[in-house]
Amino acid sequence: MILVAGPYRSGTNDNPDLIAANVKAMTDMALELYGMGHMPVLGEWFALPLIEAAGSKQTGDEIFNRIFHPIAVRLIDHCDAVLRIGGASSGADEMVNTGIAKGKIIFMDRSSIPILS
């Protein structure tokens, strides 16, 4: 299982269209990894429904911050690797650093990931 870590809010000024574009880039990469025989995952797939269910009113509020990055950090425990994509992102960098600390494989480029099928 490979966690795809990329910008979510970075550089968006919380513009929903730009955030959606960032999520699409990570999702597109996840689909590519799946086609290569891997099990991809995004922290957003777990965090966003829980954030909504918990009653978050806006991106970056207390509920959002309590769930968004912490759930991805927990998710890394269940992953074999982290793939860092996209541009500047302190959150994605946190996922890489967490992966390093937990002894996970870190990929900085899709081309370094082996094709399994």
PDB file of N, CA and C in Angstrom:
ATOM      1  N   MET A   1       0.855  -1.171   0.000  1.00  0.00           N
ATOM      2  CA  MET A   1       0.000   0.000   0.000  1.00  0.00           C
ATOM      3  C   MET A   1       0.899   1.231   0.000  1.00  0.00           C
ATOM      4  N   ILE A   2       0.596   2.162  -0.875  1.00  0.00           N
ATOM      5  CA  ILE A   2       1.386   3.386  -1.027  1.00  0.00           C
ATOM      6  C   ILE A   2       0.495   4.603  -0.759  1.00  0.00           C
ATOM      7  N   LEU A   3       0.896   5.407   0.215  1.00  0.00           N
ATOM      8  CA  LEU A   3       0.208   6.670   0.493  1.00  0.00           C
ATOM      9  C   LEU A   3       0.690   7.717  -0.490  1.00  0.00           C
ATOM     10  N   VAL A   4      -0.224   8.311  -1.231  1.00  0.00           N
ATOM     11  CA  VAL A   4       0.103   9.411  -2.138  1.00  0.00           C
ATOM     12  C   VAL A   4      -0.014  10.708  -1.341  1.00  0.00           C
ATOM     13  N   ALA A   5       1.090  11.419  -1.220  1.00  0.00           N
ATOM     14  CA  ALA A   5       1.136  12.661  -0.451  1.00  0.00           C
ATOM     15  C   ALA A   5       1.475  13.815  -1.379  1.00  0.00           C
ATOM     16  N   GLY A   6       0.561  14.766  -1.469  1.00  0.00           N
ATOM     17  CA  GLY A   6       0.779  15.941  -2.297  1.00  0.00           C
ATOM     18  C   GLY A   6       0.073  17.137  -1.692  1.00  0.00           C
ATOM     19  N   PRO A   7       0.209  18.273  -2.321  1.00  0.00           N
ATOM     20  CA  PRO A   7      -0.467  19.467  -1.812  1.00  0.00           C
ATOM     21  C   PRO A   7      -1.980  19.281  -1.775  1.00  0.00           C
ATOM     22  N   TYR A   8      -2.594  19.769  -0.736  1.00  0.00           N
ATOM     23  CA  TYR A   8      -4.051  19.825  -0.628  1.00  0.00           C
ATOM     24  C   TYR A   8      -4.464  21.293  -0.637  1.00  0.00           C
ATOM     25  N   ARG A   9      -4.103  22.035   0.390  1.00  0.00           N
ATOM     26  CA  ARG A   9      -4.448  23.460   0.485  1.00  0.00           C
ATOM     27  C   ARG A   9      -3.343  24.382  -0.026  1.00  0.00           C
ATOM     28  N   SER A  10      -2.122  23.914  -0.043  1.00  0.00           N
ATOM     29  CA  SER A  10      -0.974  24.756  -0.383  1.00  0.00           C
ATOM     30  C   SER A  10      -1.176  25.483  -1.700  1.00  0.00           C
ATOM     31  N   GLY A  11      -0.966  26.786  -1.668  1.00  0.00           N
ATOM     32  CA  GLY A  11      -1.052  27.605  -2.870  1.00  0.00           C
ATOM     33  C   GLY A  11      -2.460  27.843  -3.376  1.00  0.00           C
ATOM     34  N   THR A  12      -3.480  27.452  -2.607  1.00  0.00           N
ATOM     35  CA  THR A  12      -4.865  27.582  -3.077  1.00  0.00           C
ATOM     36  C   THR A  12      -5.612  28.757  -2.469  1.00  0.00           C
ATOM     37  N   ASN A  13      -5.101  29.319  -1.382  1.00  0.00           N
ATOM     38  CA  ASN A  13      -5.847  30.322  -0.615  1.00  0.00           C
ATOM     39  C   ASN A  13      -7.246  29.781  -0.266  1.00  0.00           C
ATOM     40  N   ASP A  14      -7.309  28.447  -0.066  1.00  0.00           N
ATOM     41  CA  ASP A  14      -8.542  27.716   0.253  1.00  0.00           C
ATOM     42  C   ASP A  14      -9.625  27.833  -0.818  1.00  0.00           C
ATOM     43  N   ASN A  15      -9.208  28.107  -2.060  1.00  0.00           N
ATOM     44  CA  ASN A  15     -10.149  28.140  -3.184  1.00  0.00           C
ATOM     45  C   ASN A  15     -10.572  26.695  -3.480  1.00  0.00           C
ATOM     46  N   PRO A  16     -11.882  26.390  -3.372  1.00  0.00           N
ATOM     47  CA  PRO A  16     -12.343  25.009  -3.560  1.00  0.00           C
ATOM     48  C   PRO A  16     -11.975  24.407  -4.917  1.00  0.00           C
ATOM     49  N   ASP A  17     -11.955  25.211  -5.960  1.00  0.00           N
ATOM     50  CA  ASP A  17     -11.594  24.685  -7.279  1.00  0.00           C
ATOM     51  C   ASP A  17     -10.132  24.268  -7.338  1.00  0.00           C
ATOM     52  N   LEU A  18      -9.265  25.051  -6.711  1.00  0.00           N
ATOM     53  CA  LEU A  18      -7.840  24.723  -6.694  1.00  0.00           C
ATOM     54  C   LEU A  18      -7.564  23.526  -5.788  1.00  0.00           C
ATOM     55  N   ILE A  19      -8.278  23.451  -4.668  1.00  0.00           N
ATOM     56  CA  ILE A  19      -8.151  22.280  -3.795  1.00  0.00           C
ATOM     57  C   ILE A  19      -8.603  21.033  -4.548  1.00  0.00           C
ATOM     58  N   ALA A  20      -9.714  21.134  -5.264  1.00  0.00           N
ATOM     59  CA  ALA A  20     -10.211  19.997  -6.048  1.00  0.00           C
ATOM     60  C   ALA A  20      -9.179  19.566  -7.089  1.00  0.00           C
ATOM     61  N   ALA A  21      -8.493  20.522  -7.694  1.00  0.00           N
ATOM     62  CA  ALA A  21      -7.455  20.187  -8.675  1.00  0.00           C
ATOM     63  C   ALA A  21      -6.302  19.434  -8.006  1.00  0.00           C
ATOM     64  N   ASN A  22      -5.946  19.833  -6.792  1.00  0.00           N
ATOM     65  CA  ASN A  22      -4.893  19.124  -6.062  1.00  0.00           C
ATOM     66  C   ASN A  22      -5.318  17.692  -5.733  1.00  0.00           C
ATOM     67  N   VAL A  23      -6.564  17.531  -5.298  1.00  0.00           N
ATOM     68  CA  VAL A  23      -7.069  16.187  -4.992  1.00  0.00           C
ATOM     69  C   VAL A  23      -7.115  15.341  -6.263  1.00  0.00           C
ATOM     70  N   LYS A  24      -7.510  15.951  -7.373  1.00  0.00           N
ATOM     71  CA  LYS A  24      -7.547  15.219  -8.641  1.00  0.00           C
ATOM     72  C   LYS A  24      -6.152  14.735  -9.028  1.00  0.00           C
ATOM     73  N   ALA A  25      -5.142  15.567  -8.831  1.00  0.00           N
ATOM     74  CA  ALA A  25      -3.771  15.159  -9.163  1.00  0.00           C
ATOM     75  C   ALA A  25      -3.346  13.955  -8.332  1.00  0.00           C
ATOM     76  N   MET A  26      -3.698  13.955  -7.040  1.00  0.00           N
ATOM     77  CA  MET A  26      -3.356  12.812  -6.195  1.00  0.00           C
ATOM     78  C   MET A  26      -4.169  11.583  -6.580  1.00  0.00           C
ATOM     79  N   THR A  27      -5.440  11.784  -6.892  1.00  0.00           N
ATOM     80  CA  THR A  27      -6.302  10.665  -7.291  1.00  0.00           C
ATOM     81  C   THR A  27      -5.842  10.075  -8.619  1.00  0.00           C
ATOM     82  N   ASP A  28      -5.475  10.925  -9.551  1.00  0.00           N
ATOM     83  CA  ASP A  28      -4.959  10.443 -10.838  1.00  0.00           C
ATOM     84  C   ASP A  28      -3.698   9.603 -10.627  1.00  0.00           C
ATOM     85  N   MET A  29      -2.820  10.045  -9.732  1.00  0.00           N
ATOM     86  CA  MET A  29      -1.614   9.275  -9.437  1.00  0.00           C
ATOM     87  C   MET A  29      -1.992   7.956  -8.779  1.00  0.00           C
ATOM     88  N   ALA A  30      -2.981   7.973  -7.896  1.00  0.00           N
ATOM     89  CA  ALA A  30      -3.434   6.740  -7.255  1.00  0.00           C
ATOM     90  C   ALA A  30      -3.934   5.748  -8.294  1.00  0.00           C
ATOM     91  N   LEU A  31      -4.673   6.228  -9.270  1.00  0.00           N
ATOM     92  CA  LEU A  31      -5.170   5.356 -10.332  1.00  0.00           C
ATOM     93  C   LEU A  31      -4.005   4.758 -11.130  1.00  0.00           C
ATOM     94  N   GLU A  32      -2.991   5.566 -11.389  1.00  0.00           N
ATOM     95  CA  GLU A  32      -1.814   5.075 -12.098  1.00  0.00           C
ATOM     96  C   GLU A  32      -1.108   3.989 -11.276  1.00  0.00           C
ATOM     97  N   LEU A  33      -0.962   4.218  -9.980  1.00  0.00           N
ATOM     98  CA  LEU A  33      -0.333   3.220  -9.115  1.00  0.00           C
ATOM     99  C   LEU A  33      -1.143   1.927  -9.086  1.00  0.00           C
ATOM    100  N   TYR A  34      -2.450   2.058  -9.056  1.00  0.00           N
ATOM    101  CA  TYR A  34      -3.312   0.881  -9.075  1.00  0.00           C
ATOM    102  C   TYR A  34      -3.083   0.065 -10.354  1.00  0.00           C
ATOM    103  N   GLY A  35      -2.974   0.765 -11.464  1.00  0.00           N
ATOM    104  CA  GLY A  35      -2.703   0.111 -12.735  1.00  0.00           C
ATOM    105  C   GLY A  35      -1.350  -0.579 -12.771  1.00  0.00           C
ATOM    106  N   MET A  36      -0.446  -0.149 -11.912  1.00  0.00           N
ATOM    107  CA  MET A  36       0.880  -0.753 -11.819  1.00  0.00           C
ATOM    108  C   MET A  36       0.896  -1.952 -10.865  1.00  0.00           C
ATOM    109  N   GLY A  37      -0.265  -2.246 -10.268  1.00  0.00           N
ATOM    110  CA  GLY A  37      -0.364  -3.392  -9.376  1.00  0.00           C
ATOM    111  C   GLY A  37      -0.274  -3.074  -7.897  1.00  0.00           C
ATOM    112  N   HIS A  38      -0.232  -1.796  -7.547  1.00  0.00           N
ATOM    113  CA  HIS A  38      -0.126  -1.382  -6.148  1.00  0.00           C
ATOM    114  C   HIS A  38      -1.505  -1.035  -5.586  1.00  0.00           C
ATOM    115  N   MET A  39      -1.590  -0.959  -4.261  1.00  0.00           N
ATOM    116  CA  MET A  39      -2.795  -0.499  -3.580  1.00  0.00           C
ATOM    117  C   MET A  39      -2.519   0.929  -3.105  1.00  0.00           C
ATOM    118  N   PRO A  40      -3.044   1.922  -3.831  1.00  0.00           N
ATOM    119  CA  PRO A  40      -2.804   3.315  -3.453  1.00  0.00           C
ATOM    120  C   PRO A  40      -3.846   3.783  -2.432  1.00  0.00           C
ATOM    121  N   VAL A  41      -3.480   4.807  -1.696  1.00  0.00           N
ATOM    122  CA  VAL A  41      -4.400   5.391  -0.724  1.00  0.00           C
ATOM    123  C   VAL A  41      -4.042   6.865  -0.529  1.00  0.00           C
ATOM    124  N   LEU A  42      -5.065   7.656  -0.273  1.00  0.00           N
ATOM    125  CA  LEU A  42      -4.890   9.075   0.074  1.00  0.00           C
ATOM    126  C   LEU A  42      -5.475   9.291   1.459  1.00  0.00           C
ATOM    127  N   GLY A  43      -4.793  10.056   2.268  1.00  0.00           N
ATOM    128  CA  GLY A  43      -5.335  10.411   3.576  1.00  0.00           C
ATOM    129  C   GLY A  43      -6.671  11.122   3.450  1.00  0.00           C
ATOM    130  N   GLU A  44      -6.836  11.876   2.363  1.00  0.00           N
ATOM    131  CA  GLU A  44      -8.080  12.627   2.141  1.00  0.00           C
ATOM    132  C   GLU A  44      -9.286  11.698   2.051  1.00  0.00           C
ATOM    133  N   TRP A  45      -9.086  10.483   1.528  1.00  0.00           N
ATOM    134  CA  TRP A  45     -10.193   9.540   1.383  1.00  0.00           C
ATOM    135  C   TRP A  45     -10.765   9.145   2.742  1.00  0.00           C
ATOM    136  N   PHE A  46      -9.925   9.170   3.764  1.00  0.00           N
ATOM    137  CA  PHE A  46     -10.363   8.856   5.117  1.00  0.00           C
ATOM    138  C   PHE A  46     -10.783  10.111   5.869  1.00  0.00           C
ATOM    139  N   ALA A  47      -9.995  11.164   5.743  1.00  0.00           N
ATOM    140  CA  ALA A  47     -10.195  12.362   6.551  1.00  0.00           C
ATOM    141  C   ALA A  47     -11.437  13.162   6.174  1.00  0.00           C
ATOM    142  N   LEU A  48     -11.637  13.405   4.888  1.00  0.00           N
ATOM    143  CA  LEU A  48     -12.699  14.336   4.490  1.00  0.00           C
ATOM    144  C   LEU A  48     -14.100  13.874   4.913  1.00  0.00           C
ATOM    145  N   PRO A  49     -14.481  12.603   4.751  1.00  0.00           N
ATOM    146  CA  PRO A  49     -15.811  12.205   5.240  1.00  0.00           C
ATOM    147  C   PRO A  49     -15.944  12.335   6.762  1.00  0.00           C
ATOM    148  N   LEU A  50     -14.866  12.047   7.489  1.00  0.00           N
ATOM    149  CA  LEU A  50     -14.923  12.167   8.942  1.00  0.00           C
ATOM    150  C   LEU A  50     -15.009  13.630   9.373  1.00  0.00           C
ATOM    151  N   ILE A  51     -14.280  14.488   8.685  1.00  0.00           N
ATOM    152  CA  ILE A  51     -14.329  15.925   8.978  1.00  0.00           C
ATOM    153  C   ILE A  51     -15.738  16.446   8.786  1.00  0.00           C
ATOM    154  N   GLU A  52     -16.372  16.042   7.697  1.00  0.00           N
ATOM    155  CA  GLU A  52     -17.753  16.457   7.448  1.00  0.00           C
ATOM    156  C   GLU A  52     -18.692  15.909   8.516  1.00  0.00           C
ATOM    157  N   ALA A  53     -18.553  14.627   8.844  1.00  0.00           N
ATOM    158  CA  ALA A  53     -19.425  14.010   9.847  1.00  0.00           C
ATOM    159  C   ALA A  53     -19.244  14.630  11.223  1.00  0.00           C
ATOM    160  N   ALA A  54     -18.033  15.100  11.511  1.00  0.00           N
ATOM    161  CA  ALA A  54     -17.751  15.717  12.807  1.00  0.00           C
ATOM    162  C   ALA A  54     -18.284  17.142  12.909  1.00  0.00           C
ATOM    163  N   GLY A  55     -18.759  17.692  11.779  1.00  0.00           N
ATOM    164  CA  GLY A  55     -19.387  19.010  11.810  1.00  0.00           C
ATOM    165  C   GLY A  55     -18.496  20.179  11.460  1.00  0.00           C
ATOM    166  N   SER A  56     -17.400  19.920  10.759  1.00  0.00           N
ATOM    167  CA  SER A  56     -16.534  21.020  10.338  1.00  0.00           C
ATOM    168  C   SER A  56     -17.329  22.012   9.494  1.00  0.00           C
ATOM    169  N   LYS A  57     -17.093  23.282   9.730  1.00  0.00           N
ATOM    170  CA  LYS A  57     -17.800  24.336   9.000  1.00  0.00           C
ATOM    171  C   LYS A  57     -16.976  24.937   7.871  1.00  0.00           C
ATOM    172  N   GLN A  58     -15.643  24.814   7.969  1.00  0.00           N
ATOM    173  CA  GLN A  58     -14.788  25.344   6.918  1.00  0.00           C
ATOM    174  C   GLN A  58     -13.411  24.716   6.988  1.00  0.00           C
ATOM    175  N   THR A  59     -12.747  24.685   5.854  1.00  0.00           N
ATOM    176  CA  THR A  59     -11.385  24.164   5.776  1.00  0.00           C
ATOM    177  C   THR A  59     -10.504  24.945   6.738  1.00  0.00           C
ATOM    178  N   GLY A  60      -9.784  24.222   7.575  1.00  0.00           N
ATOM    179  CA  GLY A  60      -8.861  24.856   8.510  1.00  0.00           C
ATOM    180  C   GLY A  60      -9.448  25.154   9.870  1.00  0.00           C
ATOM    181  N   ASP A  61     -10.731  24.833  10.078  1.00  0.00           N
ATOM    182  CA  ASP A  61     -11.283  25.071  11.418  1.00  0.00           C
ATOM    183  C   ASP A  61     -10.749  24.018  12.391  1.00  0.00           C
ATOM    184  N   GLU A  62     -11.123  24.108  13.655  1.00  0.00           N
ATOM    185  CA  GLU A  62     -10.576  23.228  14.692  1.00  0.00           C
ATOM    186  C   GLU A  62     -10.851  21.763  14.383  1.00  0.00           C
ATOM    187  N   ILE A  63     -12.052  21.451  13.938  1.00  0.00           N
ATOM    188  CA  ILE A  63     -12.396  20.059  13.611  1.00  0.00           C
ATOM    189  C   ILE A  63     -11.529  19.561  12.459  1.00  0.00           C
ATOM    190  N   PHE A  64     -11.419  20.354  11.415  1.00  0.00           N
ATOM    191  CA  PHE A  64     -10.576  19.993  10.267  1.00  0.00           C
ATOM    192  C   PHE A  64      -9.152  19.700  10.725  1.00  0.00           C
ATOM    193  N   ASN A  65      -8.577  20.606  11.481  1.00  0.00           N
ATOM    194  CA  ASN A  65      -7.191  20.462  11.902  1.00  0.00           C
ATOM    195  C   ASN A  65      -6.982  19.274  12.844  1.00  0.00           C
ATOM    196  N   ARG A  66      -7.982  18.924  13.625  1.00  0.00           N
ATOM    197  CA  ARG A  66      -7.898  17.811  14.562  1.00  0.00           C
ATOM    198  C   ARG A  66      -7.869  16.466  13.829  1.00  0.00           C
ATOM    199  N   ILE A  67      -8.423  16.423  12.605  1.00  0.00           N
ATOM    200  CA  ILE A  67      -8.561  15.161  11.884  1.00  0.00           C
ATOM    201  C   ILE A  67      -7.651  15.069  10.653  1.00  0.00           C
ATOM    202  N   PHE A  68      -7.523  16.131   9.885  1.00  0.00           N
ATOM    203  CA  PHE A  68      -6.950  16.052   8.536  1.00  0.00           C
ATOM    204  C   PHE A  68      -5.552  15.434   8.484  1.00  0.00           C
ATOM    205  N   HIS A  69      -4.554  16.059   9.060  1.00  0.00           N
ATOM    206  CA  HIS A  69      -3.203  15.496   9.015  1.00  0.00           C
ATOM    207  C   HIS A  69      -3.035  14.307   9.963  1.00  0.00           C
ATOM    208  N   PRO A  70      -3.611  14.374  11.162  1.00  0.00           N
ATOM    209  CA  PRO A  70      -3.425  13.222  12.065  1.00  0.00           C
ATOM    210  C   PRO A  70      -3.903  11.886  11.488  1.00  0.00           C
ATOM    211  N   ILE A  71      -4.968  11.888  10.711  1.00  0.00           N
ATOM    212  CA  ILE A  71      -5.433  10.620  10.159  1.00  0.00           C
ATOM    213  C   ILE A  71      -4.449  10.080   9.125  1.00  0.00           C
ATOM    214  N   ALA A  72      -3.832  10.955   8.356  1.00  0.00           N
ATOM    215  CA  ALA A  72      -2.831  10.504   7.382  1.00  0.00           C
ATOM    216  C   ALA A  72      -1.597   9.970   8.099  1.00  0.00           C
ATOM    217  N   VAL A  73      -1.218  10.591   9.186  1.00  0.00           N
ATOM    218  CA  VAL A  73      -0.078  10.106   9.970  1.00  0.00           C
ATOM    219  C   VAL A  73      -0.379   8.699  10.483  1.00  0.00           C
ATOM    220  N   ARG A  74      -1.582   8.471  10.984  1.00  0.00           N
ATOM    221  CA  ARG A  74      -1.965   7.129  11.446  1.00  0.00           C
ATOM    222  C   ARG A  74      -1.994   6.141  10.285  1.00  0.00           C
ATOM    223  N   LEU A  75      -2.458   6.591   9.147  1.00  0.00           N
ATOM    224  CA  LEU A  75      -2.571   5.728   7.969  1.00  0.00           C
ATOM    225  C   LEU A  75      -1.205   5.207   7.526  1.00  0.00           C
ATOM    226  N   ILE A  76      -0.181   5.992   7.706  1.00  0.00           N
ATOM    227  CA  ILE A  76       1.168   5.577   7.303  1.00  0.00           C
ATOM    228  C   ILE A  76       1.576   4.283   7.998  1.00  0.00           C
ATOM    229  N   ASP A  77       1.085   4.044   9.222  1.00  0.00           N
ATOM    230  CA  ASP A  77       1.387   2.794   9.921  1.00  0.00           C
ATOM    231  C   ASP A  77       0.968   1.579   9.105  1.00  0.00           C
ATOM    232  N   HIS A  78      -0.040   1.726   8.268  1.00  0.00           N
ATOM    233  CA  HIS A  78      -0.595   0.616   7.496  1.00  0.00           C
ATOM    234  C   HIS A  78      -0.057   0.567   6.062  1.00  0.00           C
ATOM    235  N   CYS A  79       0.806   1.496   5.717  1.00  0.00           N
ATOM    236  CA  CYS A  79       1.357   1.583   4.367  1.00  0.00           C
ATOM    237  C   CYS A  79       2.774   1.040   4.329  1.00  0.00           C
ATOM    238  N   ASP A  80       3.162   0.603   3.141  1.00  0.00           N
ATOM    239  CA  ASP A  80       4.527   0.156   2.924  1.00  0.00           C
ATOM    240  C   ASP A  80       5.418   1.311   2.473  1.00  0.00           C
ATOM    241  N   ALA A  81       4.787   2.313   1.846  1.00  0.00           N
ATOM    242  CA  ALA A  81       5.565   3.391   1.238  1.00  0.00           C
ATOM    243  C   ALA A  81       4.748   4.674   1.174  1.00  0.00           C
ATOM    244  N   VAL A  82       5.458   5.770   0.942  1.00  0.00           N
ATOM    245  CA  VAL A  82       4.867   7.088   0.709  1.00  0.00           C
ATOM    246  C   VAL A  82       5.423   7.597  -0.615  1.00  0.00           C
ATOM    247  N   LEU A  83       4.536   8.070  -1.467  1.00  0.00           N
ATOM    248  CA  LEU A  83       4.941   8.727  -2.717  1.00  0.00           C
ATOM    249  C   LEU A  83       4.622  10.203  -2.591  1.00  0.00           C
ATOM    250  N   ARG A  84       5.648  11.041  -2.705  1.00  0.00           N
ATOM    251  CA  ARG A  84       5.479  12.501  -2.636  1.00  0.00           C
ATOM    252  C   ARG A  84       5.330  13.027  -4.051  1.00  0.00           C
ATOM    253  N   ILE A  85       4.225  13.736  -4.303  1.00  0.00           N
ATOM    254  CA  ILE A  85       4.009  14.360  -5.611  1.00  0.00           C
ATOM    255  C   ILE A  85       3.725  15.842  -5.438  1.00  0.00           C
ATOM    256  N   GLY A  86       3.741  16.564  -6.554  1.00  0.00           N
ATOM    257  CA  GLY A  86       3.316  17.961  -6.573  1.00  0.00           C
ATOM    258  C   GLY A  86       4.340  18.924  -6.020  1.00  0.00           C
ATOM    259  N   GLY A  87       3.861  20.127  -5.820  1.00  0.00           N
ATOM    260  CA  GLY A  87       4.722  21.222  -5.394  1.00  0.00           C
ATOM    261  C   GLY A  87       4.820  21.370  -3.886  1.00  0.00           C
ATOM    262  N   ALA A  88       5.107  22.580  -3.474  1.00  0.00           N
ATOM    263  CA  ALA A  88       5.317  22.875  -2.063  1.00  0.00           C
ATOM    264  C   ALA A  88       4.100  22.493  -1.231  1.00  0.00           C
ATOM    265  N   SER A  89       4.370  21.822  -0.109  1.00  0.00           N
ATOM    266  CA  SER A  89       3.299  21.423   0.803  1.00  0.00           C
ATOM    267  C   SER A  89       3.915  20.977   2.115  1.00  0.00           C
ATOM    268  N   SER A  90       3.675  21.730   3.168  1.00  0.00           N
ATOM    269  CA  SER A  90       4.209  21.321   4.466  1.00  0.00           C
ATOM    270  C   SER A  90       3.540  20.040   4.944  1.00  0.00           C
ATOM    271  N   GLY A  91       2.266  19.849   4.625  1.00  0.00           N
ATOM    272  CA  GLY A  91       1.572  18.624   5.021  1.00  0.00           C
ATOM    273  C   GLY A  91       2.128  17.400   4.324  1.00  0.00           C
ATOM    274  N   ALA A  92       2.351  17.499   3.005  1.00  0.00           N
ATOM    275  CA  ALA A  92       2.923  16.370   2.268  1.00  0.00           C
ATOM    276  C   ALA A  92       4.347  16.089   2.750  1.00  0.00           C
ATOM    277  N   ASP A  93       5.087  17.148   3.056  1.00  0.00           N
ATOM    278  CA  ASP A  93       6.436  16.962   3.595  1.00  0.00           C
ATOM    279  C   ASP A  93       6.379  16.267   4.957  1.00  0.00           C
ATOM    280  N   GLU A  94       5.356  16.603   5.752  1.00  0.00           N
ATOM    281  CA  GLU A  94       5.165  15.931   7.043  1.00  0.00           C
ATOM    282  C   GLU A  94       4.928  14.435   6.838  1.00  0.00           C
ATOM    283  N   MET A  95       4.163  14.071   5.814  1.00  0.00           N
ATOM    284  CA  MET A  95       3.903  12.657   5.550  1.00  0.00           C
ATOM    285  C   MET A  95       5.190  11.933   5.166  1.00  0.00           C
ATOM    286  N   VAL A  96       6.030  12.583   4.364  1.00  0.00           N
ATOM    287  CA  VAL A  96       7.323  12.002   3.996  1.00  0.00           C
ATOM    288  C   VAL A  96       8.192  11.824   5.239  1.00  0.00           C
ATOM    289  N   ASN A  97       8.286  12.864   6.053  1.00  0.00           N
ATOM    290  CA  ASN A  97       9.111  12.788   7.263  1.00  0.00           C
ATOM    291  C   ASN A  97       8.594  11.731   8.226  1.00  0.00           C
ATOM    292  N   THR A  98       7.275  11.619   8.339  1.00  0.00           N
ATOM    293  CA  THR A  98       6.681  10.585   9.184  1.00  0.00           C
ATOM    294  C   THR A  98       7.006   9.210   8.629  1.00  0.00           C
ATOM    295  N   GLY A  99       6.904   9.066   7.300  1.00  0.00           N
ATOM    296  CA  GLY A  99       7.245   7.800   6.670  1.00  0.00           C
ATOM    297  C   GLY A  99       8.699   7.418   6.925  1.00  0.00           C
ATOM    298  N   ILE A 100       9.586   8.382   6.822  1.00  0.00           N
ATOM    299  CA  ILE A 100      11.005   8.126   7.097  1.00  0.00           C
ATOM    300  C   ILE A 100      11.171   7.657   8.542  1.00  0.00           C
ATOM    301  N   ALA A 101      10.547   8.381   9.471  1.00  0.00           N
ATOM    302  CA  ALA A 101      10.664   8.042  10.892  1.00  0.00           C
ATOM    303  C   ALA A 101      10.110   6.653  11.192  1.00  0.00           C
ATOM    304  N   LYS A 102       9.139   6.210  10.421  1.00  0.00           N
ATOM    305  CA  LYS A 102       8.512   4.904  10.642  1.00  0.00           C
ATOM    306  C   LYS A 102       9.130   3.816   9.775  1.00  0.00           C
ATOM    307  N   GLY A 103      10.214   4.142   9.088  1.00  0.00           N
ATOM    308  CA  GLY A 103      10.945   3.156   8.311  1.00  0.00           C
ATOM    309  C   GLY A 103      10.261   2.732   7.018  1.00  0.00           C
ATOM    310  N   LYS A 104       9.417   3.587   6.465  1.00  0.00           N
ATOM    311  CA  LYS A 104       8.719   3.264   5.220  1.00  0.00           C
ATOM    312  C   LYS A 104       9.587   3.607   4.018  1.00  0.00           C
ATOM    313  N   ILE A 105       9.290   2.986   2.899  1.00  0.00           N
ATOM    314  CA  ILE A 105       9.950   3.331   1.642  1.00  0.00           C
ATOM    315  C   ILE A 105       9.414   4.690   1.197  1.00  0.00           C
ATOM    316  N   ILE A 106      10.289   5.557   0.779  1.00  0.00           N
ATOM    317  CA  ILE A 106       9.880   6.885   0.313  1.00  0.00           C
ATOM    318  C   ILE A 106      10.214   6.989  -1.169  1.00  0.00           C
ATOM    319  N   PHE A 107       9.201   7.295  -1.960  1.00  0.00           N
ATOM    320  CA  PHE A 107       9.379   7.540  -3.386  1.00  0.00           C
ATOM    321  C   PHE A 107       9.157   9.022  -3.641  1.00  0.00           C
ATOM    322  N   MET A 108      10.078   9.640  -4.364  1.00  0.00           N
ATOM    323  CA  MET A 108       9.938  11.051  -4.713  1.00  0.00           C
ATOM    324  C   MET A 108       9.564  11.208  -6.188  1.00  0.00           C
ATOM    325  N   ASP A 109       9.451  10.077  -6.892  1.00  0.00           N
ATOM    326  CA  ASP A 109       9.154  10.099  -8.307  1.00  0.00           C
ATOM    327  C   ASP A 109       8.470   8.791  -8.675  1.00  0.00           C
ATOM    328  N   ARG A 110       7.415   8.864  -9.447  1.00  0.00           N
ATOM    329  CA  ARG A 110       6.668   7.683  -9.843  1.00  0.00           C
ATOM    330  C   ARG A 110       7.529   6.697 -10.608  1.00  0.00           C
ATOM    331  N   SER A 111       8.470   7.197 -11.360  1.00  0.00           N
ATOM    332  CA  SER A 111       9.285   6.314 -12.200  1.00  0.00           C
ATOM    333  C   SER A 111      10.173   5.379 -11.376  1.00  0.00           C
ATOM    334  N   SER A 112      10.366   5.655 -10.106  1.00  0.00           N
ATOM    335  CA  SER A 112      11.189   4.783  -9.260  1.00  0.00           C
ATOM    336  C   SER A 112      10.368   3.648  -8.615  1.00  0.00           C
ATOM    337  N   ILE A 113       9.073   3.615  -8.872  1.00  0.00           N
ATOM    338  CA  ILE A 113       8.189   2.596  -8.291  1.00  0.00           C
ATOM    339  C   ILE A 113       8.112   1.412  -9.238  1.00  0.00           C
ATOM    340  N   PRO A 114       8.367   0.220  -8.743  1.00  0.00           N
ATOM    341  CA  PRO A 114       8.323  -0.959  -9.624  1.00  0.00           C
ATOM    342  C   PRO A 114       6.900  -1.278 -10.085  1.00  0.00           C
ATOM    343  N   ILE A 115       6.800  -1.814 -11.278  1.00  0.00           N
ATOM    344  CA  ILE A 115       5.514  -2.275 -11.802  1.00  0.00           C
ATOM    345  C   ILE A 115       5.333  -3.714 -11.344  1.00  0.00           C
ATOM    346  N   LEU A 116       4.200  -4.006 -10.693  1.00  0.00           N
ATOM    347  CA  LEU A 116       3.937  -5.336 -10.172  1.00  0.00           C
ATOM    348  C   LEU A 116       3.082  -6.161 -11.145  1.00  0.00           C
ATOM    349  N   SER A 117       2.276  -5.475 -11.932  1.00  0.00           N
ATOM    350  CA  SER A 117       1.443  -6.222 -12.893  1.00  0.00           C
ATOM    351  C   SER A 117       1.191  -5.394 -14.122  1.00  0.00           C
TER     352      SER A 117
END
